[in-house]
All heavy atoms as atom14 arrays in JSON, in Angstrom:
{
  "sequence": "TIVLINKKVACPEGKALLISEDPFRDFNTLTNFFKPF",
  "atom14_mask": [
    [1, 1, 1, 1, 1, 1, 1, 0, 0, 0, 0, 0, 0, 0],
    [1, 1, 1, 1, 1, 1, 1, 1, 0, 0, 0, 0, 0, 0],
    [1, 1, 1, 1, 1, 1, 1, 0, 0, 0, 0, 0, 0, 0],
    [1, 1, 1, 1, 1, 1, 1, 1, 0, 0, 0, 0, 0, 0],
    [1, 1, 1, 1, 1, 1, 1, 1, 0, 0, 0, 0, 0, 0],
    [1, 1, 1, 1, 1, 1, 1, 1, 0, 0, 0, 0, 0, 0],
    [1, 1, 1, 1, 1, 1, 1, 1, 1, 0, 0, 0, 0, 0],
    [1, 1, 1, 1, 1, 1, 1, 1, 1, 0, 0, 0, 0, 0],
    [1, 1, 1, 1, 1, 1, 1, 0, 0, 0, 0, 0, 0, 0],
    [1, 1, 1, 1, 1, 0, 0, 0, 0, 0, 0, 0, 0, 0],
    [1, 1, 1, 1, 1, 1, 0, 0, 0, 0, 0, 0, 0, 0],
    [1, 1, 1, 1, 1, 1, 1, 0, 0, 0, 0, 0, 0, 0],
    [1, 1, 1, 1, 1, 1, 1, 1, 1, 0, 0, 0, 0, 0],
    [1, 1, 1, 1, 0, 0, 0, 0, 0, 0, 0, 0, 0, 0],
    [1, 1, 1, 1, 1, 1, 1, 1, 1, 0, 0, 0, 0, 0],
    [1, 1, 1, 1, 1, 0, 0, 0, 0, 0, 0, 0, 0, 0],
    [1, 1, 1, 1, 1, 1, 1, 1, 0, 0, 0, 0, 0, 0],
    [1, 1, 1, 1, 1, 1, 1, 1, 0, 0, 0, 0, 0, 0],
    [1, 1, 1, 1, 1, 1, 1, 1, 0, 0, 0, 0, 0, 0],
    [1, 1, 1, 1, 1, 1, 0, 0, 0, 0, 0, 0, 0, 0],
    [1, 1, 1, 1, 1, 1, 1, 1, 1, 0, 0, 0, 0, 0],
    [1, 1, 1, 1, 1, 1, 1, 1, 0, 0, 0, 0, 0, 0],
    [1, 1, 1, 1, 1, 1, 1, 0, 0, 0, 0, 0, 0, 0],
    [1, 1, 1, 1, 1, 1, 1, 1, 1, 1, 1, 0, 0, 0],
    [1, 1, 1, 1, 1, 1, 1, 1, 1, 1, 1, 0, 0, 0],
    [1, 1, 1, 1, 1, 1, 1, 1, 0, 0, 0, 0, 0, 0],
    [1, 1, 1, 1, 1, 1, 1, 1, 1, 1, 1, 0, 0, 0],
    [1, 1, 1, 1, 1, 1, 1, 1, 0, 0, 0, 0, 0, 0],
    [1, 1, 1, 1, 1, 1, 1, 0, 0, 0, 0, 0, 0, 0],
    [1, 1, 1, 1, 1, 1, 1, 1, 0, 0, 0, 0, 0, 0],
    [1, 1, 1, 1, 1, 1, 1, 0, 0, 0, 0, 0, 0, 0],
    [1, 1, 1, 1, 1, 1, 1, 1, 0, 0, 0, 0, 0, 0],
    [1, 1, 1, 1, 1, 1, 1, 1, 1, 1, 1, 0, 0, 0],
    [1, 1, 1, 1, 1, 1, 1, 1, 1, 1, 1, 0, 0, 0],
    [1, 1, 1, 1, 1, 1, 1, 1, 1, 0, 0, 0, 0, 0],
    [1, 1, 1, 1, 1, 1, 1, 0, 0, 0, 0, 0, 0, 0],
    [1, 1, 1, 1, 1, 1, 1, 1, 1, 1, 1, 0, 0, 0]
  ],
  "atom14_positions": [
    [[87.74, -5.47, 95.05], [87.66, -4.92, 96.39], [88.4, -5.76, 97.41], [88.49, -5.39, 98.58], [86.19, -4.76, 96.82], [85.44, -5.9, 96.41], [85.59, -3.52, 96.2], [0.0, 0.0, 0.0], [0.0, 0.0, 0.0], [0.0, 0.0, 0.0], [0.0, 0.0, 0.0], [0.0, 0.0, 0.0], [0.0, 0.0, 0.0], [0.0, 0.0, 0.0]],
    [[88.97, -6.91, 96.98], [89.8, -7.73, 97.86], [91.09, -8.03, 97.1], [91.05, -8.58, 95.97], [89.13, -9.05, 98.27], [87.76, -8.78, 98.9], [90.03, -9.84, 99.23], [86.6, -8.84, 97.93], [0.0, 0.0, 0.0], [0.0, 0.0, 0.0], [0.0, 0.0, 0.0], [0.0, 0.0, 0.0], [0.0, 0.0, 0.0], [0.0, 0.0, 0.0]],
    [[92.23, -7.66, 97.67], [93.52, -7.85, 96.98], [94.34, -8.88, 97.75], [94.63, -8.69, 98.95], [94.29, -6.53, 96.89], [95.63, -6.73, 96.18], [93.46, -5.47, 96.15], [0.0, 0.0, 0.0], [0.0, 0.0, 0.0], [0.0, 0.0, 0.0], [0.0, 0.0, 0.0], [0.0, 0.0, 0.0], [0.0, 0.0, 0.0], [0.0, 0.0, 0.0]],
    [[94.67, -9.97, 97.09], [95.52, -11.03, 97.62], [96.96, -10.66, 97.26], [97.34, -10.68, 96.09], [95.12, -12.38, 97.0], [95.93, -13.62, 97.35], [95.92, -13.89, 98.86], [95.38, -14.82, 96.59], [0.0, 0.0, 0.0], [0.0, 0.0, 0.0], [0.0, 0.0, 0.0], [0.0, 0.0, 0.0], [0.0, 0.0, 0.0], [0.0, 0.0, 0.0]],
    [[97.77, -10.31, 98.27], [99.06, -9.67, 98.02], [100.12, -10.24, 98.95], [99.79, -10.72, 100.04], [98.91, -8.13, 98.19], [100.16, -7.37, 97.74], [98.52, -7.76, 99.61], [99.93, -5.85, 97.65], [0.0, 0.0, 0.0], [0.0, 0.0, 0.0], [0.0, 0.0, 0.0], [0.0, 0.0, 0.0], [0.0, 0.0, 0.0], [0.0, 0.0, 0.0]],
    [[101.38, -10.16, 98.55], [102.46, -10.75, 99.33], [103.27, -9.72, 100.12], [104.43, -9.95, 100.43], [103.38, -11.57, 98.42], [103.99, -10.74, 97.3], [103.55, -9.65, 97.01], [105.01, -11.29, 96.65], [0.0, 0.0, 0.0], [0.0, 0.0, 0.0], [0.0, 0.0, 0.0], [0.0, 0.0, 0.0], [0.0, 0.0, 0.0], [0.0, 0.0, 0.0]],
    [[102.63, -8.6, 100.44], [103.29, -7.58, 101.25], [102.23, -6.82, 102.05], [101.14, -6.56, 101.54], [104.09, -6.61, 100.36], [104.88, -5.57, 101.15], [105.64, -4.64, 100.21], [106.4, -3.59, 100.99], [107.14, -2.66, 100.11], [0.0, 0.0, 0.0], [0.0, 0.0, 0.0], [0.0, 0.0, 0.0], [0.0, 0.0, 0.0], [0.0, 0.0, 0.0]],
    [[102.59, -6.43, 103.26], [101.68, -5.6, 104.05], [101.79, -4.17, 103.54], [102.83, -3.54, 103.62], [102.04, -5.68, 105.53], [101.76, -7.05, 106.16], [102.04, -7.05, 107.65], [101.71, -8.43, 108.22], [101.96, -8.5, 109.69], [0.0, 0.0, 0.0], [0.0, 0.0, 0.0], [0.0, 0.0, 0.0], [0.0, 0.0, 0.0], [0.0, 0.0, 0.0]],
    [[100.69, -3.66, 103.01], [100.62, -2.32, 102.45], [99.41, -1.63, 103.05], [98.53, -2.24, 103.67], [100.52, -2.35, 100.91], [101.78, -2.95, 100.29], [99.28, -3.11, 100.44], [0.0, 0.0, 0.0], [0.0, 0.0, 0.0], [0.0, 0.0, 0.0], [0.0, 0.0, 0.0], [0.0, 0.0, 0.0], [0.0, 0.0, 0.0], [0.0, 0.0, 0.0]],
    [[99.34, -0.3, 102.82], [98.17, 0.45, 103.25], [96.96, -0.02, 102.47], [97.0, -0.12, 101.22], [98.39, 1.93, 103.06], [0.0, 0.0, 0.0], [0.0, 0.0, 0.0], [0.0, 0.0, 0.0], [0.0, 0.0, 0.0], [0.0, 0.0, 0.0], [0.0, 0.0, 0.0], [0.0, 0.0, 0.0], [0.0, 0.0, 0.0], [0.0, 0.0, 0.0]],
    [[95.87, -0.29, 103.16], [94.66, -0.79, 102.52], [93.83, 0.37, 102.0], [93.45, 1.26, 102.77], [93.85, -1.61, 103.5], [92.38, -2.37, 102.78], [0.0, 0.0, 0.0], [0.0, 0.0, 0.0], [0.0, 0.0, 0.0], [0.0, 0.0, 0.0], [0.0, 0.0, 0.0], [0.0, 0.0, 0.0], [0.0, 0.0, 0.0], [0.0, 0.0, 0.0]],
    [[93.51, 0.39, 100.7], [92.67, 1.48, 100.17], [91.31, 1.5, 100.83], [90.78, 0.46, 101.23], [92.58, 1.14, 98.68], [93.71, 0.24, 98.39], [93.95, -0.53, 99.65], [0.0, 0.0, 0.0], [0.0, 0.0, 0.0], [0.0, 0.0, 0.0], [0.0, 0.0, 0.0], [0.0, 0.0, 0.0], [0.0, 0.0, 0.0], [0.0, 0.0, 0.0]],
    [[90.73, 2.68, 100.91], [89.41, 2.82, 101.52], [88.38, 2.0, 100.78], [88.34, 1.98, 99.54], [89.0, 4.31, 101.53], [87.71, 4.56, 102.28], [87.37, 6.04, 102.31], [88.21, 6.86, 101.9], [86.25, 6.35, 102.75], [0.0, 0.0, 0.0], [0.0, 0.0, 0.0], [0.0, 0.0, 0.0], [0.0, 0.0, 0.0], [0.0, 0.0, 0.0]],
    [[87.54, 1.31, 101.52], [86.47, 0.51, 100.94], [86.92, -0.85, 100.42], [86.14, -1.57, 99.79], [0.0, 0.0, 0.0], [0.0, 0.0, 0.0], [0.0, 0.0, 0.0], [0.0, 0.0, 0.0], [0.0, 0.0, 0.0], [0.0, 0.0, 0.0], [0.0, 0.0, 0.0], [0.0, 0.0, 0.0], [0.0, 0.0, 0.0], [0.0, 0.0, 0.0]],
    [[88.19, -1.22, 100.68], [88.72, -2.49, 100.2], [89.25, -3.32, 101.38], [89.27, -2.88, 102.52], [89.81, -2.28, 99.15], [89.3, -1.56, 97.91], [90.27, -1.62, 96.76], [89.71, -0.94, 95.53], [90.55, -1.12, 94.34], [0.0, 0.0, 0.0], [0.0, 0.0, 0.0], [0.0, 0.0, 0.0], [0.0, 0.0, 0.0], [0.0, 0.0, 0.0]],
    [[89.67, -4.54, 101.05], [90.23, -5.44, 102.05], [91.45, -6.13, 101.44], [91.58, -6.22, 100.23], [89.2, -6.47, 102.51], [0.0, 0.0, 0.0], [0.0, 0.0, 0.0], [0.0, 0.0, 0.0], [0.0, 0.0, 0.0], [0.0, 0.0, 0.0], [0.0, 0.0, 0.0], [0.0, 0.0, 0.0], [0.0, 0.0, 0.0], [0.0, 0.0, 0.0]],
    [[92.34, -6.62, 102.32], [93.56, -7.29, 101.89], [93.62, -8.68, 102.46], [93.17, -8.96, 103.57], [94.8, -6.51, 102.33], [94.95, -5.05, 101.9], [96.23, -4.48, 102.51], [94.97, -4.94, 100.39], [0.0, 0.0, 0.0], [0.0, 0.0, 0.0], [0.0, 0.0, 0.0], [0.0, 0.0, 0.0], [0.0, 0.0, 0.0], [0.0, 0.0, 0.0]],
    [[94.18, -9.58, 101.65], [94.57, -10.91, 102.11], [96.09, -10.98, 101.97], [96.62, -10.85, 100.86], [93.92, -11.99, 101.29], [92.38, -12.13, 101.43], [91.81, -12.88, 100.25], [92.06, -12.87, 102.73], [0.0, 0.0, 0.0], [0.0, 0.0, 0.0], [0.0, 0.0, 0.0], [0.0, 0.0, 0.0], [0.0, 0.0, 0.0], [0.0, 0.0, 0.0]],
    [[96.8, -11.13, 103.11], [98.25, -11.12, 103.08], [98.75, -12.55, 103.01], [98.51, -13.37, 103.9], [98.81, -10.43, 104.33], [98.12, -9.07, 104.58], [100.32, -10.24, 104.2], [98.28, -8.08, 103.48], [0.0, 0.0, 0.0], [0.0, 0.0, 0.0], [0.0, 0.0, 0.0], [0.0, 0.0, 0.0], [0.0, 0.0, 0.0], [0.0, 0.0, 0.0]],
    [[99.5, -12.87, 101.94], [99.95, -14.22, 101.68], [101.42, -14.21, 101.29], [101.86, -13.32, 100.57], [99.12, -14.83, 100.55], [99.74, -15.99, 100.01], [0.0, 0.0, 0.0], [0.0, 0.0, 0.0], [0.0, 0.0, 0.0], [0.0, 0.0, 0.0], [0.0, 0.0, 0.0], [0.0, 0.0, 0.0], [0.0, 0.0, 0.0], [0.0, 0.0, 0.0]],
    [[102.15, -15.25, 101.71], [103.55, -15.36, 101.25], [103.63, -15.79, 99.81], [104.65, -15.62, 99.13], [104.31, -16.35, 102.14], [103.81, -17.77, 102.06], [104.59, -18.75, 102.91], [105.32, -18.28, 103.79], [104.44, -19.97, 102.69], [0.0, 0.0, 0.0], [0.0, 0.0, 0.0], [0.0, 0.0, 0.0], [0.0, 0.0, 0.0], [0.0, 0.0, 0.0]],
    [[102.53, -16.35, 99.27], [102.53, -16.85, 97.89], [101.13, -16.7, 97.3], [100.32, -17.64, 97.26], [102.96, -18.31, 97.85], [103.28, -18.8, 96.44], [102.76, -18.21, 95.47], [104.05, -19.77, 96.3], [0.0, 0.0, 0.0], [0.0, 0.0, 0.0], [0.0, 0.0, 0.0], [0.0, 0.0, 0.0], [0.0, 0.0, 0.0], [0.0, 0.0, 0.0]],
    [[100.78, -15.49, 96.78], [99.44, -15.27, 96.22], [99.09, -16.19, 95.04], [97.95, -16.59, 94.91], [99.49, -13.81, 95.79], [100.52, -13.18, 96.69], [101.57, -14.26, 96.85], [0.0, 0.0, 0.0], [0.0, 0.0, 0.0], [0.0, 0.0, 0.0], [0.0, 0.0, 0.0], [0.0, 0.0, 0.0], [0.0, 0.0, 0.0], [0.0, 0.0, 0.0]],
    [[100.08, -16.51, 94.23], [99.83, -17.42, 93.09], [99.33, -18.75, 93.58], [98.32, -19.28, 93.09], [101.14, -17.57, 92.3], [100.99, -18.3, 90.98], [100.92, -17.59, 89.8], [101.01, -19.68, 90.93], [100.82, -18.26, 88.57], [100.91, -20.36, 89.72], [100.82, -19.65, 88.54], [0.0, 0.0, 0.0], [0.0, 0.0, 0.0], [0.0, 0.0, 0.0]],
    [[100.02, -19.32, 94.55], [99.62, -20.6, 95.15], [98.23, -20.52, 95.76], [97.38, -21.41, 95.54], [100.63, -21.0, 96.21], [100.31, -22.28, 96.98], [101.03, -22.3, 98.32], [100.57, -21.22, 99.2], [101.28, -20.78, 100.24], [102.46, -21.27, 100.52], [100.76, -19.8, 101.0], [0.0, 0.0, 0.0], [0.0, 0.0, 0.0], [0.0, 0.0, 0.0]],
    [[97.96, -19.44, 96.5], [96.7, -19.34, 97.19], [95.54, -19.05, 96.24], [94.39, -19.44, 96.51], [96.78, -18.27, 98.29], [97.66, -18.76, 99.44], [97.87, -19.98, 99.57], [98.15, -17.91, 100.2], [0.0, 0.0, 0.0], [0.0, 0.0, 0.0], [0.0, 0.0, 0.0], [0.0, 0.0, 0.0], [0.0, 0.0, 0.0], [0.0, 0.0, 0.0]],
    [[95.79, -18.37, 95.14], [94.77, -18.18, 94.11], [94.38, -19.56, 93.54], [93.21, -19.86, 93.34], [95.29, -17.27, 93.01], [94.2, -16.61, 92.19], [93.46, -15.54, 92.69], [93.95, -17.02, 90.89], [92.49, -14.92, 91.93], [92.96, -16.41, 90.12], [92.25, -15.36, 90.64], [0.0, 0.0, 0.0], [0.0, 0.0, 0.0], [0.0, 0.0, 0.0]],
    [[95.39, -20.41, 93.32], [95.11, -21.79, 92.87], [94.31, -22.57, 93.91], [93.41, -23.34, 93.56], [96.42, -22.53, 92.58], [96.94, -22.27, 91.17], [96.21, -21.8, 90.32], [98.19, -22.6, 90.93], [0.0, 0.0, 0.0], [0.0, 0.0, 0.0], [0.0, 0.0, 0.0], [0.0, 0.0, 0.0], [0.0, 0.0, 0.0], [0.0, 0.0, 0.0]],
    [[94.65, -22.35, 95.17], [93.9, -23.04, 96.25], [92.43, -22.67, 96.19], [91.56, -23.55, 96.34], [94.5, -22.67, 97.62], [95.86, -23.1, 97.68], [93.73, -23.34, 98.76], [0.0, 0.0, 0.0], [0.0, 0.0, 0.0], [0.0, 0.0, 0.0], [0.0, 0.0, 0.0], [0.0, 0.0, 0.0], [0.0, 0.0, 0.0], [0.0, 0.0, 0.0]],
    [[92.15, -21.39, 95.98], [90.75, -20.95, 95.9], [90.05, -21.52, 94.66], [88.88, -21.91, 94.72], [90.68, -19.43, 95.9], [91.06, -18.74, 97.21], [91.16, -17.23, 97.01], [90.07, -19.07, 98.29], [0.0, 0.0, 0.0], [0.0, 0.0, 0.0], [0.0, 0.0, 0.0], [0.0, 0.0, 0.0], [0.0, 0.0, 0.0], [0.0, 0.0, 0.0]],
    [[90.77, -21.57, 93.53], [90.16, -22.17, 92.32], [89.8, -23.62, 92.57], [88.7, -24.09, 92.2], [91.12, -22.05, 91.13], [91.39, -20.66, 90.87], [90.5, -22.65, 89.87], [0.0, 0.0, 0.0], [0.0, 0.0, 0.0], [0.0, 0.0, 0.0], [0.0, 0.0, 0.0], [0.0, 0.0, 0.0], [0.0, 0.0, 0.0], [0.0, 0.0, 0.0]],
    [[90.7, -24.36, 93.18], [90.44, -25.78, 93.47], [89.29, -25.95, 94.48], [88.56, -26.91, 94.41], [91.71, -26.45, 94.03], [92.64, -26.88, 92.93], [92.21, -27.23, 91.83], [93.93, -26.84, 93.21], [0.0, 0.0, 0.0], [0.0, 0.0, 0.0], [0.0, 0.0, 0.0], [0.0, 0.0, 0.0], [0.0, 0.0, 0.0], [0.0, 0.0, 0.0]],
    [[89.16, -24.99, 95.38], [88.1, -25.06, 96.38], [86.73, -24.83, 95.74], [85.76, -25.57, 96.0], [88.34, -24.04, 97.49], [87.34, -24.08, 98.6], [87.51, -24.91, 99.7], [86.19, -23.27, 98.57], [86.58, -24.96, 100.72], [85.26, -23.31, 99.59], [85.46, -24.15, 100.68], [0.0, 0.0, 0.0], [0.0, 0.0, 0.0], [0.0, 0.0, 0.0]],
    [[86.64, -23.81, 94.88], [85.34, -23.43, 94.32], [85.02, -24.12, 92.99], [83.85, -24.27, 92.62], [85.27, -21.91, 94.13], [85.17, -21.16, 95.42], [86.28, -20.47, 95.92], [84.02, -21.15, 96.16], [86.2, -19.79, 97.14], [83.92, -20.48, 97.36], [85.03, -19.8, 97.86], [0.0, 0.0, 0.0], [0.0, 0.0, 0.0], [0.0, 0.0, 0.0]],
    [[86.04, -24.56, 92.25], [85.82, -25.26, 90.98], [86.72, -26.5, 90.91], [87.6, -26.61, 90.06], [86.12, -24.31, 89.8], [84.98, -23.44, 89.31], [84.05, -24.25, 88.42], [82.99, -23.35, 87.78], [83.52, -22.51, 86.71], [0.0, 0.0, 0.0], [0.0, 0.0, 0.0], [0.0, 0.0, 0.0], [0.0, 0.0, 0.0], [0.0, 0.0, 0.0]],
    [[86.52, -27.45, 91.81], [87.38, -28.65, 91.81], [87.15, -29.49, 90.56], [86.06, -29.51, 90.03], [86.95, -29.38, 93.06], [85.54, -28.96, 93.29], [85.47, -27.52, 92.85], [0.0, 0.0, 0.0], [0.0, 0.0, 0.0], [0.0, 0.0, 0.0], [0.0, 0.0, 0.0], [0.0, 0.0, 0.0], [0.0, 0.0, 0.0], [0.0, 0.0, 0.0]],
    [[88.22, -30.14, 90.09], [88.05, -31.05, 88.97], [87.21, -32.25, 89.37], [87.42, -32.85, 90.44], [89.43, -31.54, 88.5], [89.36, -32.6, 87.42], [89.02, -32.26, 86.12], [89.57, -33.93, 87.74], [88.93, -33.23, 85.15], [89.48, -34.91, 86.76], [89.17, -34.57, 85.48], [0.0, 0.0, 0.0], [0.0, 0.0, 0.0], [0.0, 0.0, 0.0]]
  ]
}
């Protein structure tokens, strides 16, 4: 229900978007935040 994406697109009903220039990098940022070594 939340899509981390590198382009502004129409948001599907009932969902949310996170607009990022680098989703791969930011997915890693979230992993490090919630499951740090």
